[in-house]
């Protein structure tokens, strides 16, 4: 999920990450609502992990922040951890 779908660089990175992960894990790209609504939607269906690409991800050359729904924690992960 890109944090801001109006920022082309975030959308590009998020789509590339989804494409990289798709062969190895069940992956869904979603930018249809605000990030809070997207998180709530994924909580409702029981998605265990989700990855969000934000400005900090771009600045630090990270792939994205991942969130563990069970623990309600978030972390940033380097490229090699996610893809």
C-alpha atoms as a PDB file:
ATOM      1  CA  UNK A   1       0.000   0.000   0.000  1.00  0.00           C
ATOM      2  CA  UNK A   2       1.433   3.399  -0.842  1.00  0.00           C
ATOM      3  CA  UNK A   3       0.904   5.892   1.969  1.00  0.00           C
ATOM      4  CA  UNK A   4      -0.019   8.628  -0.508  1.00  0.00           C
ATOM      5  CA  UNK A   5      -1.421   7.543  -3.846  1.00  0.00           C
ATOM      6  CA  UNK A   6      -0.898  11.082  -5.159  1.00  0.00           C
ATOM      7  CA  UNK A   7       2.895  10.658  -4.975  1.00  0.00           C
ATOM      8  CA  UNK A   8       3.981   8.780  -8.132  1.00  0.00           C
ATOM      9  CA  UNK A   9       7.282   7.662  -6.611  1.00  0.00           C
ATOM     10  CA  UNK A  10       5.470   5.953  -3.715  1.00  0.00           C
ATOM     11  CA  UNK A  11       2.995   4.260  -6.030  1.00  0.00           C
ATOM     12  CA  UNK A  12       5.814   3.075  -8.310  1.00  0.00           C
ATOM     13  CA  UNK A  13       7.804   1.616  -5.393  1.00  0.00           C
ATOM     14  CA  UNK A  14       4.691  -0.031  -3.889  1.00  0.00           C
ATOM     15  CA  UNK A  15       3.680  -1.630  -7.199  1.00  0.00           C
ATOM     16  CA  UNK A  16       7.239  -2.882  -7.785  1.00  0.00           C
ATOM     17  CA  UNK A  17       7.363  -4.368  -4.292  1.00  0.00           C
ATOM     18  CA  UNK A  18       4.002  -6.109  -4.774  1.00  0.00           C
ATOM     19  CA  UNK A  19       5.254  -7.576  -8.060  1.00  0.00           C
ATOM     20  CA  UNK A  20       8.479  -8.779  -6.378  1.00  0.00           C
ATOM     21  CA  UNK A  21       6.604 -10.446  -3.510  1.00  0.00           C
ATOM     22  CA  UNK A  22       3.771 -11.984  -5.557  1.00  0.00           C
ATOM     23  CA  UNK A  23       5.692 -15.111  -6.707  1.00  0.00           C
ATOM     24  CA  UNK A  24       6.536 -16.029  -3.091  1.00  0.00           C
ATOM     25  CA  UNK A  25       3.578 -14.920  -0.958  1.00  0.00           C
ATOM     26  CA  UNK A  26      -0.090 -14.088  -1.399  1.00  0.00           C
ATOM     27  CA  UNK A  27      -0.018 -10.404  -2.287  1.00  0.00           C
ATOM     28  CA  UNK A  28      -2.661  -7.749  -2.820  1.00  0.00           C
ATOM     29  CA  UNK A  29      -1.932  -4.185  -3.933  1.00  0.00           C
ATOM     30  CA  UNK A  30      -4.488  -1.670  -2.657  1.00  0.00           C
ATOM     31  CA  UNK A  31      -4.566   2.109  -2.919  1.00  0.00           C
ATOM     32  CA  UNK A  32      -8.325   2.613  -3.008  1.00  0.00           C
ATOM     33  CA  UNK A  33      -8.707   4.518   0.281  1.00  0.00           C
ATOM     34  CA  UNK A  34      -6.794   6.407   2.967  1.00  0.00           C
ATOM     35  CA  UNK A  35      -4.139   4.440   4.820  1.00  0.00           C
ATOM     36  CA  UNK A  36      -6.254   4.281   7.996  1.00  0.00           C
ATOM     37  CA  UNK A  37      -9.195   2.785   6.109  1.00  0.00           C
ATOM     38  CA  UNK A  38      -6.894   0.334   4.345  1.00  0.00           C
ATOM     39  CA  UNK A  39      -5.447  -0.839   7.672  1.00  0.00           C
ATOM     40  CA  UNK A  40      -8.933  -1.246   9.180  1.00  0.00           C
ATOM     41  CA  UNK A  41     -10.113  -3.171   6.113  1.00  0.00           C
ATOM     42  CA  UNK A  42      -7.147  -5.532   6.348  1.00  0.00           C
ATOM     43  CA  UNK A  43      -7.675  -5.953  10.117  1.00  0.00           C
ATOM     44  CA  UNK A  44     -11.294  -6.980   9.467  1.00  0.00           C
ATOM     45  CA  UNK A  45     -10.336  -9.745   7.032  1.00  0.00           C
ATOM     46  CA  UNK A  46      -7.477 -10.972   9.208  1.00  0.00           C
ATOM     47  CA  UNK A  47      -4.448 -10.079   7.089  1.00  0.00           C
ATOM     48  CA  UNK A  48      -1.467 -11.007   9.315  1.00  0.00           C
ATOM     49  CA  UNK A  49       1.121  -8.696   7.719  1.00  0.00           C
ATOM     50  CA  UNK A  50       0.974  -5.653   5.486  1.00  0.00           C
ATOM     51  CA  UNK A  51       3.606  -3.451   3.887  1.00  0.00           C
ATOM     52  CA  UNK A  52       3.249   0.299   3.429  1.00  0.00           C
ATOM     53  CA  UNK A  53       5.574   2.383   1.284  1.00  0.00           C
ATOM     54  CA  UNK A  54       5.955   5.910   2.630  1.00  0.00           C
ATOM     55  CA  UNK A  55       8.289   8.886   2.227  1.00  0.00           C
ATOM     56  CA  UNK A  56      10.696   7.550   4.857  1.00  0.00           C
ATOM     57  CA  UNK A  57      10.962   4.336   2.840  1.00  0.00           C
ATOM     58  CA  UNK A  58      12.160   6.371  -0.135  1.00  0.00           C
ATOM     59  CA  UNK A  59      14.534   8.570   1.872  1.00  0.00           C
ATOM     60  CA  UNK A  60      16.308   5.661   3.561  1.00  0.00           C
ATOM     61  CA  UNK A  61      16.353   3.327   0.522  1.00  0.00           C
ATOM     62  CA  UNK A  62      14.082   0.884   2.355  1.00  0.00           C
ATOM     63  CA  UNK A  63      11.388  -1.133   0.647  1.00  0.00           C
ATOM     64  CA  UNK A  64       8.654  -0.256   3.109  1.00  0.00           C
ATOM     65  CA  UNK A  65       7.277  -0.411   6.588  1.00  0.00           C
ATOM     66  CA  UNK A  66       5.653  -3.690   7.532  1.00  0.00           C
ATOM     67  CA  UNK A  67       3.009  -4.107  10.177  1.00  0.00           C
ATOM     68  CA  UNK A  68       2.223  -7.189  12.200  1.00  0.00           C
ATOM     69  CA  UNK A  69      -1.518  -7.218  12.891  1.00  0.00           C
ATOM     70  CA  UNK A  70      -1.326  -9.625  15.830  1.00  0.00           C
ATOM     71  CA  UNK A  71       1.199  -7.526  17.744  1.00  0.00           C
ATOM     72  CA  UNK A  72       0.003  -4.169  16.347  1.00  0.00           C
ATOM     73  CA  UNK A  73       3.636  -3.184  15.744  1.00  0.00           C
ATOM     74  CA  UNK A  74       5.318  -1.572  12.770  1.00  0.00           C
ATOM     75  CA  UNK A  75       8.913  -1.679  11.535  1.00  0.00           C
ATOM     76  CA  UNK A  76      10.886  -0.644   8.512  1.00  0.00           C
ATOM     77  CA  UNK A  77      12.580  -3.398   6.590  1.00  0.00           C
ATOM     78  CA  UNK A  78      15.501  -3.298   4.189  1.00  0.00           C
ATOM     79  CA  UNK A  79      15.010  -4.548   0.654  1.00  0.00           C
ATOM     80  CA  UNK A  80      16.457  -8.009   1.242  1.00  0.00           C
ATOM     81  CA  UNK A  81      14.043  -8.737   4.129  1.00  0.00           C
ATOM     82  CA  UNK A  82      10.909  -8.084   2.091  1.00  0.00           C
ATOM     83  CA  UNK A  83      11.704  -9.338  -1.374  1.00  0.00           C
END
